[in-house]
């Protein structure tokens, strides 16, 4: 089976879709104000500010929610994102040529699946960050963040669990975080300022 891989945030769309998800569940109060408690925790600086912020927002926004609510959030927020037309056109042309389209994203899987369904894109599979679930409810803790090398791990897990042979014909992402995924494809491209450029594997 021939497949083409696409990152989502800043590849198929201009924005980071996580911001819309967090605001959807946390309300309109500025995220910067909600993050103030982190400044007084030593763990914030031990594990890195960026990781601490993301971990905090995931827990605060998704704890106690159902997985279906993530999908519904995608359905509700699809009109917030701004598709990058050149990349979307490439995706549709590849689909028309009989190549299966997969999205591999660092955003939550169910959330992106909801956005994609509402946009009507010809995506066969979404592989994304998974959130820990207990007794039917999300804990808000990240099980595995699907970014950088983890994208390769997740893809190889799908491939090894299936008897079908997969041929990654093309891959699209942004630099430098998607380099591991881009190296998996026969032809690779990165998106910069909404323009698609060839990625030369060294």
C-alpha atoms as a PDB file:
ATOM      1  CA  UNK A   1       0.000   0.000   0.000  1.00  0.00           C
ATOM      2  CA  UNK A   2       1.294   3.427  -0.944  1.00  0.00           C
ATOM      3  CA  UNK A   3       0.857   6.101   1.719  1.00  0.00           C
ATOM      4  CA  UNK A   4       1.720   9.776   2.167  1.00  0.00           C
ATOM      5  CA  UNK A   5       2.391  11.228   5.618  1.00  0.00           C
ATOM      6  CA  UNK A   6       1.407  14.718   6.728  1.00  0.00           C
ATOM      7  CA  UNK A   7       2.106  16.566   9.945  1.00  0.00           C
ATOM      8  CA  UNK A   8      -0.886  18.716  10.955  1.00  0.00           C
ATOM      9  CA  UNK A   9       0.069  21.873  12.874  1.00  0.00           C
ATOM     10  CA  UNK A  10       2.065  24.354  10.805  1.00  0.00           C
ATOM     11  CA  UNK A  11       2.044  21.916   7.889  1.00  0.00           C
ATOM     12  CA  UNK A  12      -1.569  21.389   6.828  1.00  0.00           C
ATOM     13  CA  UNK A  13      -2.721  24.392   8.844  1.00  0.00           C
ATOM     14  CA  UNK A  14      -1.037  27.663   9.770  1.00  0.00           C
ATOM     15  CA  UNK A  15      -1.616  27.503  13.519  1.00  0.00           C
ATOM     16  CA  UNK A  16      -0.831  25.299  16.492  1.00  0.00           C
ATOM     17  CA  UNK A  17      -4.232  23.702  17.032  1.00  0.00           C
ATOM     18  CA  UNK A  18      -3.508  22.884  20.687  1.00  0.00           C
ATOM     19  CA  UNK A  19      -4.156  26.504  21.640  1.00  0.00           C
ATOM     20  CA  UNK A  20      -7.729  26.239  20.384  1.00  0.00           C
ATOM     21  CA  UNK A  21      -8.259  22.984  22.283  1.00  0.00           C
ATOM     22  CA  UNK A  22      -7.003  24.367  25.594  1.00  0.00           C
ATOM     23  CA  UNK A  23      -9.110  27.529  25.294  1.00  0.00           C
ATOM     24  CA  UNK A  24     -12.162  25.454  24.367  1.00  0.00           C
ATOM     25  CA  UNK A  25     -12.041  23.601  27.684  1.00  0.00           C
ATOM     26  CA  UNK A  26     -10.513  26.306  29.890  1.00  0.00           C
ATOM     27  CA  UNK A  27     -12.590  29.281  28.742  1.00  0.00           C
ATOM     28  CA  UNK A  28     -11.560  32.712  27.508  1.00  0.00           C
ATOM     29  CA  UNK A  29      -9.413  33.592  30.498  1.00  0.00           C
ATOM     30  CA  UNK A  30      -5.910  34.245  29.069  1.00  0.00           C
ATOM     31  CA  UNK A  31      -3.703  31.162  29.245  1.00  0.00           C
ATOM     32  CA  UNK A  32      -0.827  33.295  30.531  1.00  0.00           C
ATOM     33  CA  UNK A  33      -2.821  34.093  33.685  1.00  0.00           C
ATOM     34  CA  UNK A  34      -3.789  30.456  34.175  1.00  0.00           C
ATOM     35  CA  UNK A  35      -0.114  29.490  33.995  1.00  0.00           C
ATOM     36  CA  UNK A  36       0.956  31.778  36.867  1.00  0.00           C
ATOM     37  CA  UNK A  37       0.953  28.944  39.473  1.00  0.00           C
ATOM     38  CA  UNK A  38       3.738  27.254  37.530  1.00  0.00           C
ATOM     39  CA  UNK A  39       6.134  30.105  38.334  1.00  0.00           C
ATOM     40  CA  UNK A  40       6.187  29.073  41.983  1.00  0.00           C
ATOM     41  CA  UNK A  41       6.871  25.376  41.459  1.00  0.00           C
ATOM     42  CA  UNK A  42      10.470  24.094  41.428  1.00  0.00           C
ATOM     43  CA  UNK A  43       9.417  21.222  39.147  1.00  0.00           C
ATOM     44  CA  UNK A  44       8.664  23.785  36.439  1.00  0.00           C
ATOM     45  CA  UNK A  45      12.336  24.569  36.076  1.00  0.00           C
ATOM     46  CA  UNK A  46      13.574  21.035  36.683  1.00  0.00           C
ATOM     47  CA  UNK A  47      11.775  19.496  33.714  1.00  0.00           C
ATOM     48  CA  UNK A  48      11.887  22.595  31.515  1.00  0.00           C
ATOM     49  CA  UNK A  49       9.398  25.424  31.165  1.00  0.00           C
ATOM     50  CA  UNK A  50       7.994  24.340  27.794  1.00  0.00           C
ATOM     51  CA  UNK A  51       7.332  20.778  28.957  1.00  0.00           C
ATOM     52  CA  UNK A  52       5.856  22.045  32.236  1.00  0.00           C
ATOM     53  CA  UNK A  53       3.446  24.385  30.460  1.00  0.00           C
ATOM     54  CA  UNK A  54       2.202  21.720  28.077  1.00  0.00           C
ATOM     55  CA  UNK A  55       1.844  19.121  30.837  1.00  0.00           C
ATOM     56  CA  UNK A  56      -0.040  21.574  33.060  1.00  0.00           C
ATOM     57  CA  UNK A  57      -2.472  22.645  30.328  1.00  0.00           C
ATOM     58  CA  UNK A  58      -3.191  19.070  29.279  1.00  0.00           C
ATOM     59  CA  UNK A  59      -4.063  18.073  32.850  1.00  0.00           C
ATOM     60  CA  UNK A  60      -6.054  21.224  33.595  1.00  0.00           C
ATOM     61  CA  UNK A  61      -8.098  21.078  30.388  1.00  0.00           C
ATOM     62  CA  UNK A  62      -8.624  17.341  29.847  1.00  0.00           C
ATOM     63  CA  UNK A  63      -8.790  15.795  33.325  1.00  0.00           C
ATOM     64  CA  UNK A  64     -12.152  14.099  33.789  1.00  0.00           C
ATOM     65  CA  UNK A  65     -13.191  14.484  30.162  1.00  0.00           C
ATOM     66  CA  UNK A  66     -14.304  11.638  27.906  1.00  0.00           C
ATOM     67  CA  UNK A  67     -12.427  10.723  24.740  1.00  0.00           C
ATOM     68  CA  UNK A  68     -15.556  11.537  22.754  1.00  0.00           C
ATOM     69  CA  UNK A  69     -15.331  15.113  24.019  1.00  0.00           C
ATOM     70  CA  UNK A  70     -11.948  15.475  22.330  1.00  0.00           C
ATOM     71  CA  UNK A  71     -13.467  14.400  19.024  1.00  0.00           C
ATOM     72  CA  UNK A  72     -16.436  16.730  19.549  1.00  0.00           C
ATOM     73  CA  UNK A  73     -14.010  19.588  20.265  1.00  0.00           C
ATOM     74  CA  UNK A  74     -12.460  18.967  16.860  1.00  0.00           C
ATOM     75  CA  UNK A  75     -15.877  19.115  15.225  1.00  0.00           C
ATOM     76  CA  UNK A  76     -16.606  22.386  17.021  1.00  0.00           C
ATOM     77  CA  UNK A  77     -13.259  24.058  16.362  1.00  0.00           C
ATOM     78  CA  UNK A  78     -12.619  23.109  12.735  1.00  0.00           C
ATOM     79  CA  UNK A  79     -13.405  26.640  11.537  1.00  0.00           C
ATOM     80  CA  UNK A  80     -10.716  28.095  13.814  1.00  0.00           C
ATOM     81  CA  UNK A  81      -7.893  26.560  11.803  1.00  0.00           C
ATOM     82  CA  UNK A  82      -6.497  28.054   8.598  1.00  0.00           C
ATOM     83  CA  UNK A  83      -5.629  25.400   6.012  1.00  0.00           C
ATOM     84  CA  UNK A  84      -2.481  25.949   3.956  1.00  0.00           C
ATOM     85  CA  UNK A  85      -3.970  25.666   0.486  1.00  0.00           C
ATOM     86  CA  UNK A  86      -0.839  24.452  -1.334  1.00  0.00           C
ATOM     87  CA  UNK A  87      -0.386  21.542   1.068  1.00  0.00           C
ATOM     88  CA  UNK A  88      -4.073  20.633   1.124  1.00  0.00           C
ATOM     89  CA  UNK A  89      -4.156  20.598  -2.691  1.00  0.00           C
ATOM     90  CA  UNK A  90      -1.140  18.280  -2.753  1.00  0.00           C
ATOM     91  CA  UNK A  91      -2.846  16.005  -0.239  1.00  0.00           C
ATOM     92  CA  UNK A  92      -6.014  15.817  -2.339  1.00  0.00           C
ATOM     93  CA  UNK A  93      -4.058  15.169  -5.555  1.00  0.00           C
ATOM     94  CA  UNK A  94      -2.146  12.327  -3.903  1.00  0.00           C
ATOM     95  CA  UNK A  95      -5.433  10.832  -2.723  1.00  0.00           C
ATOM     96  CA  UNK A  96      -6.845  11.088  -6.243  1.00  0.00           C
ATOM     97  CA  UNK A  97      -3.766   9.216  -7.476  1.00  0.00           C
ATOM     98  CA  UNK A  98      -4.611   6.301  -5.202  1.00  0.00           C
ATOM     99  CA  UNK A  99      -2.179   7.093  -2.390  1.00  0.00           C
ATOM    100  CA  UNK A 100      -3.567   6.704   1.121  1.00  0.00           C
ATOM    101  CA  UNK A 101      -3.315   9.813   3.305  1.00  0.00           C
ATOM    102  CA  UNK A 102      -2.183   9.586   6.931  1.00  0.00           C
ATOM    103  CA  UNK A 103      -1.784  12.433   9.406  1.00  0.00           C
ATOM    104  CA  UNK A 104       0.899  11.988  12.064  1.00  0.00           C
ATOM    105  CA  UNK A 105       0.618  14.746  14.651  1.00  0.00           C
ATOM    106  CA  UNK A 106       1.763  15.811  18.101  1.00  0.00           C
ATOM    107  CA  UNK A 107      -1.780  16.988  18.860  1.00  0.00           C
ATOM    108  CA  UNK A 108      -4.319  14.588  20.443  1.00  0.00           C
ATOM    109  CA  UNK A 109      -5.454  11.956  17.985  1.00  0.00           C
ATOM    110  CA  UNK A 110      -9.215  12.163  18.585  1.00  0.00           C
ATOM    111  CA  UNK A 111      -9.198  15.958  18.453  1.00  0.00           C
ATOM    112  CA  UNK A 112      -7.478  16.104  15.055  1.00  0.00           C
ATOM    113  CA  UNK A 113      -9.724  13.321  13.744  1.00  0.00           C
ATOM    114  CA  UNK A 114     -12.719  15.543  14.547  1.00  0.00           C
ATOM    115  CA  UNK A 115     -11.252  18.535  12.721  1.00  0.00           C
ATOM    116  CA  UNK A 116     -10.343  16.430   9.690  1.00  0.00           C
ATOM    117  CA  UNK A 117     -13.797  14.861   9.495  1.00  0.00           C
ATOM    118  CA  UNK A 118     -15.486  18.244   9.588  1.00  0.00           C
ATOM    119  CA  UNK A 119     -13.138  19.623   6.912  1.00  0.00           C
ATOM    120  CA  UNK A 120     -13.951  16.638   4.701  1.00  0.00           C
ATOM    121  CA  UNK A 121     -10.331  15.815   3.977  1.00  0.00           C
ATOM    122  CA  UNK A 122      -9.571  12.368   2.475  1.00  0.00           C
ATOM    123  CA  UNK A 123      -7.570  11.145   5.468  1.00  0.00           C
ATOM    124  CA  UNK A 124      -7.585   7.395   6.139  1.00  0.00           C
ATOM    125  CA  UNK A 125      -5.726   7.382   9.453  1.00  0.00           C
ATOM    126  CA  UNK A 126      -4.756   9.851  12.180  1.00  0.00           C
ATOM    127  CA  UNK A 127      -1.862   8.961  14.464  1.00  0.00           C
ATOM    128  CA  UNK A 128      -1.402  11.408  17.310  1.00  0.00           C
ATOM    129  CA  UNK A 129      -0.639  11.990  20.955  1.00  0.00           C
ATOM    130  CA  UNK A 130      -2.531   9.648  23.245  1.00  0.00           C
ATOM    131  CA  UNK A 131      -3.918  10.657  26.645  1.00  0.00           C
ATOM    132  CA  UNK A 132      -4.076   8.256  29.578  1.00  0.00           C
ATOM    133  CA  UNK A 133      -7.592   6.980  30.238  1.00  0.00           C
ATOM    134  CA  UNK A 134      -8.891   5.433  33.468  1.00  0.00           C
ATOM    135  CA  UNK A 135     -12.402   4.117  34.042  1.00  0.00           C
ATOM    136  CA  UNK A 136     -13.619   5.743  30.857  1.00  0.00           C
ATOM    137  CA  UNK A 137     -12.267   9.191  31.686  1.00  0.00           C
ATOM    138  CA  UNK A 138      -9.111  10.979  30.604  1.00  0.00           C
ATOM    139  CA  UNK A 139      -6.575  11.809  33.291  1.00  0.00           C
ATOM    140  CA  UNK A 140      -5.024  14.615  31.272  1.00  0.00           C
ATOM    141  CA  UNK A 141      -1.643  12.892  31.447  1.00  0.00           C
ATOM    142  CA  UNK A 142       0.180  12.298  28.179  1.00  0.00           C
ATOM    143  CA  UNK A 143       0.705   8.617  27.462  1.00  0.00           C
ATOM    144  CA  UNK A 144       3.077   9.256  24.592  1.00  0.00           C
ATOM    145  CA  UNK A 145       3.553  12.553  22.788  1.00  0.00           C
ATOM    146  CA  UNK A 146       3.674  11.845  19.075  1.00  0.00           C
ATOM    147  CA  UNK A 147       6.513  14.119  18.035  1.00  0.00           C
ATOM    148  CA  UNK A 148      10.036  13.872  16.622  1.00  0.00           C
ATOM    149  CA  UNK A 149      11.362  10.283  16.927  1.00  0.00           C
ATOM    150  CA  UNK A 150       8.141   9.092  18.558  1.00  0.00           C
ATOM    151  CA  UNK A 151       6.404   9.552  15.197  1.00  0.00           C
ATOM    152  CA  UNK A 152       8.748   6.958  13.715  1.00  0.00           C
ATOM    153  CA  UNK A 153       8.133   4.627  16.657  1.00  0.00           C
ATOM    154  CA  UNK A 154       4.367   4.908  16.288  1.00  0.00           C
ATOM    155  CA  UNK A 155       4.472   4.356  12.532  1.00  0.00           C
ATOM    156  CA  UNK A 156       6.744   1.326  12.821  1.00  0.00           C
ATOM    157  CA  UNK A 157       4.365  -0.085  15.427  1.00  0.00           C
ATOM    158  CA  UNK A 158       1.492   0.151  12.941  1.00  0.00           C
ATOM    159  CA  UNK A 159       3.580  -1.381  10.169  1.00  0.00           C
ATOM    160  CA  UNK A 160       4.835  -4.296  12.275  1.00  0.00           C
ATOM    161  CA  UNK A 161       1.337  -5.109  13.468  1.00  0.00           C
ATOM    162  CA  UNK A 162       0.012  -5.522   9.939  1.00  0.00           C
ATOM    163  CA  UNK A 163       0.813  -8.080   7.246  1.00  0.00           C
ATOM    164  CA  UNK A 164       0.400  -5.483   4.500  1.00  0.00           C
ATOM    165  CA  UNK A 165       3.509  -3.849   3.059  1.00  0.00           C
ATOM    166  CA  UNK A 166       3.579  -0.060   3.291  1.00  0.00           C
ATOM    167  CA  UNK A 167       5.465   2.182   0.898  1.00  0.00           C
ATOM    168  CA  UNK A 168       5.839   5.763   2.158  1.00  0.00           C
ATOM    169  CA  UNK A 169       5.954   7.662  -1.112  1.00  0.00           C
ATOM    170  CA  UNK A 170       5.952  11.197   0.311  1.00  0.00           C
ATOM    171  CA  UNK A 171       6.069  12.966   3.668  1.00  0.00           C
ATOM    172  CA  UNK A 172       5.352  16.564   4.645  1.00  0.00           C
ATOM    173  CA  UNK A 173       6.260  18.312   7.896  1.00  0.00           C
ATOM    174  CA  UNK A 174       8.071  21.243   9.447  1.00  0.00           C
ATOM    175  CA  UNK A 175      11.664  21.577  10.590  1.00  0.00           C
ATOM    176  CA  UNK A 176      13.400  20.491  12.659  1.00  0.00           C
ATOM    177  CA  UNK A 177      10.831  18.456  14.618  1.00  0.00           C
ATOM    178  CA  UNK A 178       9.624  16.320  11.693  1.00  0.00           C
ATOM    179  CA  UNK A 179      13.022  15.346  10.301  1.00  0.00           C
ATOM    180  CA  UNK A 180      12.825  11.750  11.651  1.00  0.00           C
ATOM    181  CA  UNK A 181       9.491  11.229   9.874  1.00  0.00           C
ATOM    182  CA  UNK A 182      10.630  12.939   6.682  1.00  0.00           C
ATOM    183  CA  UNK A 183      13.575  10.557   6.446  1.00  0.00           C
ATOM    184  CA  UNK A 184      11.178   7.619   6.207  1.00  0.00           C
ATOM    185  CA  UNK A 185       9.764   8.675   2.828  1.00  0.00           C
ATOM    186  CA  UNK A 186      10.945   8.283  -0.751  1.00  0.00           C
ATOM    187  CA  UNK A 187      10.349  12.002  -1.265  1.00  0.00           C
ATOM    188  CA  UNK A 188      10.124  14.529   1.555  1.00  0.00           C
ATOM    189  CA  UNK A 189       9.030  18.134   1.839  1.00  0.00           C
ATOM    190  CA  UNK A 190       8.908  20.742   4.577  1.00  0.00           C
ATOM    191  CA  UNK A 191       6.568  23.693   4.929  1.00  0.00           C
ATOM    192  CA  UNK A 192       7.967  27.128   5.708  1.00  0.00           C
ATOM    193  CA  UNK A 193       5.844  30.277   5.682  1.00  0.00           C
ATOM    194  CA  UNK A 194       3.052  28.342   3.937  1.00  0.00           C
ATOM    195  CA  UNK A 195       5.384  27.314   1.089  1.00  0.00           C
ATOM    196  CA  UNK A 196       6.319  23.707   0.324  1.00  0.00           C
ATOM    197  CA  UNK A 197      10.043  23.087  -0.131  1.00  0.00           C
ATOM    198  CA  UNK A 198      11.917  19.852  -0.893  1.00  0.00           C
ATOM    199  CA  UNK A 199      13.759  18.299   2.025  1.00  0.00           C
ATOM    200  CA  UNK A 200      17.105  16.807   1.104  1.00  0.00           C
ATOM    201  CA  UNK A 201      18.009  13.835   3.287  1.00  0.00           C
ATOM    202  CA  UNK A 202      21.701  13.956   4.134  1.00  0.00           C
END
